[in-house]
Each structure stands twice: as structure tokens, then as C-alpha cells.
Amino acid sequence: MQVIGSFTSPPWEKKVELDFCPLRGIFVKYMSNLTEGTYLIKFIVDGEFKCDPNLPVTTDSSGHLNNILEIISSGEHSDFLYTSR
């Protein structure tokens, strides 16, 4: 499983591989280089773009449905986590 979105530079061009955590039964990716803000993301499952129904969704200016990822800084530096079941 991968994730792609507006958080990369340039946006929507780099696919980020997610790691499966068997202990929690979810896919995760820890990223410490994201700045505070709101990002649009989409998951790639078996080559198909998908939204996670457990995360907030929005439609972008092109009419595409995307998940919303909001990063809020808490202190000196923060680690961020993508999760999907």
C-alpha cells in the first residue's frame, strides 16, 4: 500500500510506501519532515487510487475525491503518522 498527496514536493508526484504493522493490524508511515498544515492525500491499493472511509474526505478543484490530512505541531518537533486499515 502506498500514499500520495499534496504533502510531497512537487505535490502528487512521489508515492510513499506504507509499512504493515501486524501488532496493530494497520499500515503506517512515520514522517518527521511535514510542516503544519492541511494536505490532500489518496491511498494506492493494488494499483488503484482509493480514499479511506474512516478519514475526512473532500472534493478538490478538479472534482477528485481525496482524504484530508491535517498536521498540527505540538512542541519543538513532531512525528506524523498515516494510518489505514
C-alpha atoms as a PDB file:
ATOM      1  CA  MET A   1       0.000   0.000   0.000  1.00  0.00           C
ATOM      2  CA  GLN A   2       1.177   3.497  -0.812  1.00  0.00           C
ATOM      3  CA  VAL A   3       0.027   7.055  -0.175  1.00  0.00           C
ATOM      4  CA  ILE A   4       0.334  10.054  -2.489  1.00  0.00           C
ATOM      5  CA  GLY A   5      -0.730  13.643  -2.000  1.00  0.00           C
ATOM      6  CA  SER A   6      -0.107  17.332  -1.700  1.00  0.00           C
ATOM      7  CA  PHE A   7       2.478  16.786   1.070  1.00  0.00           C
ATOM      8  CA  THR A   8       5.326  15.962  -1.360  1.00  0.00           C
ATOM      9  CA  SER A   9       7.412  18.379  -3.393  1.00  0.00           C
ATOM     10  CA  PRO A  10       6.255  18.642  -6.099  1.00  0.00           C
ATOM     11  CA  PRO A  11       2.753  17.679  -4.963  1.00  0.00           C
ATOM     12  CA  TRP A  12       1.177  14.407  -6.115  1.00  0.00           C
ATOM     13  CA  GLU A  13       4.356  13.064  -7.736  1.00  0.00           C
ATOM     14  CA  LYS A  14       6.028  10.863  -5.127  1.00  0.00           C
ATOM     15  CA  LYS A  15       4.381   7.651  -3.933  1.00  0.00           C
ATOM     16  CA  VAL A  16       5.244   6.848  -0.311  1.00  0.00           C
ATOM     17  CA  GLU A  17       5.317   3.170   0.660  1.00  0.00           C
ATOM     18  CA  LEU A  18       3.392   2.308   3.835  1.00  0.00           C
ATOM     19  CA  ASP A  19       4.550  -0.413   6.216  1.00  0.00           C
ATOM     20  CA  PHE A  20       2.178  -3.007   7.659  1.00  0.00           C
ATOM     21  CA  CYS A  21       2.180  -3.160  11.451  1.00  0.00           C
ATOM     22  CA  PRO A  22       0.994  -6.686  12.354  1.00  0.00           C
ATOM     23  CA  LEU A  23       0.683  -5.761  16.024  1.00  0.00           C
ATOM     24  CA  ARG A  24      -1.914  -3.071  15.289  1.00  0.00           C
ATOM     25  CA  GLY A  25      -3.234  -4.533  12.018  1.00  0.00           C
ATOM     26  CA  ILE A  26      -2.799  -1.274  10.087  1.00  0.00           C
ATOM     27  CA  PHE A  27      -0.492   0.302   7.516  1.00  0.00           C
ATOM     28  CA  VAL A  28       1.662   3.144   8.866  1.00  0.00           C
ATOM     29  CA  LYS A  29       4.325   5.632   7.829  1.00  0.00           C
ATOM     30  CA  TYR A  30       6.150   7.840  10.282  1.00  0.00           C
ATOM     31  CA  MET A  31       7.225  11.139   8.733  1.00  0.00           C
ATOM     32  CA  SER A  32       9.011  13.908  10.595  1.00  0.00           C
ATOM     33  CA  ASN A  33       9.516  16.284   7.668  1.00  0.00           C
ATOM     34  CA  LEU A  34       5.925  17.518   7.252  1.00  0.00           C
ATOM     35  CA  THR A  35       5.125  21.085   8.156  1.00  0.00           C
ATOM     36  CA  GLU A  36       1.955  22.141   9.913  1.00  0.00           C
ATOM     37  CA  GLY A  37      -0.988  22.464   7.538  1.00  0.00           C
ATOM     38  CA  THR A  38      -3.762  20.687   5.686  1.00  0.00           C
ATOM     39  CA  TYR A  39      -2.910  18.175   2.968  1.00  0.00           C
ATOM     40  CA  LEU A  40      -4.928  16.161   0.472  1.00  0.00           C
ATOM     41  CA  ILE A  41      -3.981  12.500   0.207  1.00  0.00           C
ATOM     42  CA  LYS A  42      -5.074   9.338  -1.526  1.00  0.00           C
ATOM     43  CA  PHE A  43      -4.103   5.726  -0.895  1.00  0.00           C
ATOM     44  CA  ILE A  44      -2.926   3.382  -3.644  1.00  0.00           C
ATOM     45  CA  VAL A  45      -4.136  -0.174  -3.124  1.00  0.00           C
ATOM     46  CA  ASP A  46      -3.347  -2.818  -5.762  1.00  0.00           C
ATOM     47  CA  GLY A  47      -2.623  -0.023  -8.262  1.00  0.00           C
ATOM     48  CA  GLU A  48      -5.947   1.775  -7.667  1.00  0.00           C
ATOM     49  CA  PHE A  49      -6.406   5.188  -6.036  1.00  0.00           C
ATOM     50  CA  LYS A  50      -8.707   4.963  -3.010  1.00  0.00           C
ATOM     51  CA  CYS A  51      -9.913   7.124  -0.148  1.00  0.00           C
ATOM     52  CA  ASP A  52     -10.075   5.768   3.399  1.00  0.00           C
ATOM     53  CA  PRO A  53     -13.726   5.949   4.525  1.00  0.00           C
ATOM     54  CA  ASN A  54     -12.525   6.361   8.132  1.00  0.00           C
ATOM     55  CA  LEU A  55     -10.791   9.683   7.359  1.00  0.00           C
ATOM     56  CA  PRO A  56     -12.386  13.023   6.391  1.00  0.00           C
ATOM     57  CA  VAL A  57     -12.904  13.489   2.629  1.00  0.00           C
ATOM     58  CA  THR A  58     -13.227  16.473   0.306  1.00  0.00           C
ATOM     59  CA  THR A  59     -13.549  17.111  -3.414  1.00  0.00           C
ATOM     60  CA  ASP A  60     -10.696  19.089  -4.997  1.00  0.00           C
ATOM     61  CA  SER A  61     -10.993  21.728  -7.739  1.00  0.00           C
ATOM     62  CA  SER A  62     -10.736  19.002 -10.411  1.00  0.00           C
ATOM     63  CA  GLY A  63     -13.640  17.053  -8.918  1.00  0.00           C
ATOM     64  CA  HIS A  64     -11.472  14.291  -7.420  1.00  0.00           C
ATOM     65  CA  LEU A  65     -12.367  12.859  -4.017  1.00  0.00           C
ATOM     66  CA  ASN A  66      -9.439  12.941  -1.549  1.00  0.00           C
ATOM     67  CA  ASN A  67      -8.798  12.316   2.125  1.00  0.00           C
ATOM     68  CA  ILE A  68      -7.850  15.277   4.302  1.00  0.00           C
ATOM     69  CA  LEU A  69      -4.752  15.054   6.497  1.00  0.00           C
ATOM     70  CA  GLU A  70      -4.304  17.889   8.982  1.00  0.00           C
ATOM     71  CA  ILE A  71      -0.913  18.290  10.655  1.00  0.00           C
ATOM     72  CA  ILE A  72      -0.848  20.197  13.920  1.00  0.00           C
ATOM     73  CA  SER A  73       2.520  20.837  15.519  1.00  0.00           C
ATOM     74  CA  SER A  74       2.862  20.053  19.196  1.00  0.00           C
ATOM     75  CA  GLY A  75       6.078  21.396  20.562  1.00  0.00           C
ATOM     76  CA  GLU A  76       9.601  21.628  19.202  1.00  0.00           C
ATOM     77  CA  HIS A  77       9.149  18.908  16.582  1.00  0.00           C
ATOM     78  CA  SER A  78       6.501  16.333  15.830  1.00  0.00           C
ATOM     79  CA  ASP A  79       6.349  12.937  14.195  1.00  0.00           C
ATOM     80  CA  PHE A  80       3.393  12.220  11.989  1.00  0.00           C
ATOM     81  CA  LEU A  81       1.608   9.002  11.219  1.00  0.00           C
ATOM     82  CA  TYR A  82      -0.537   7.881   8.301  1.00  0.00           C
ATOM     83  CA  THR A  83      -2.814   5.031   9.124  1.00  0.00           C
ATOM     84  CA  SER A  84      -5.214   2.976   7.109  1.00  0.00           C
ATOM     85  CA  ARG A  85      -6.884  -0.376   7.667  1.00  0.00           C
END
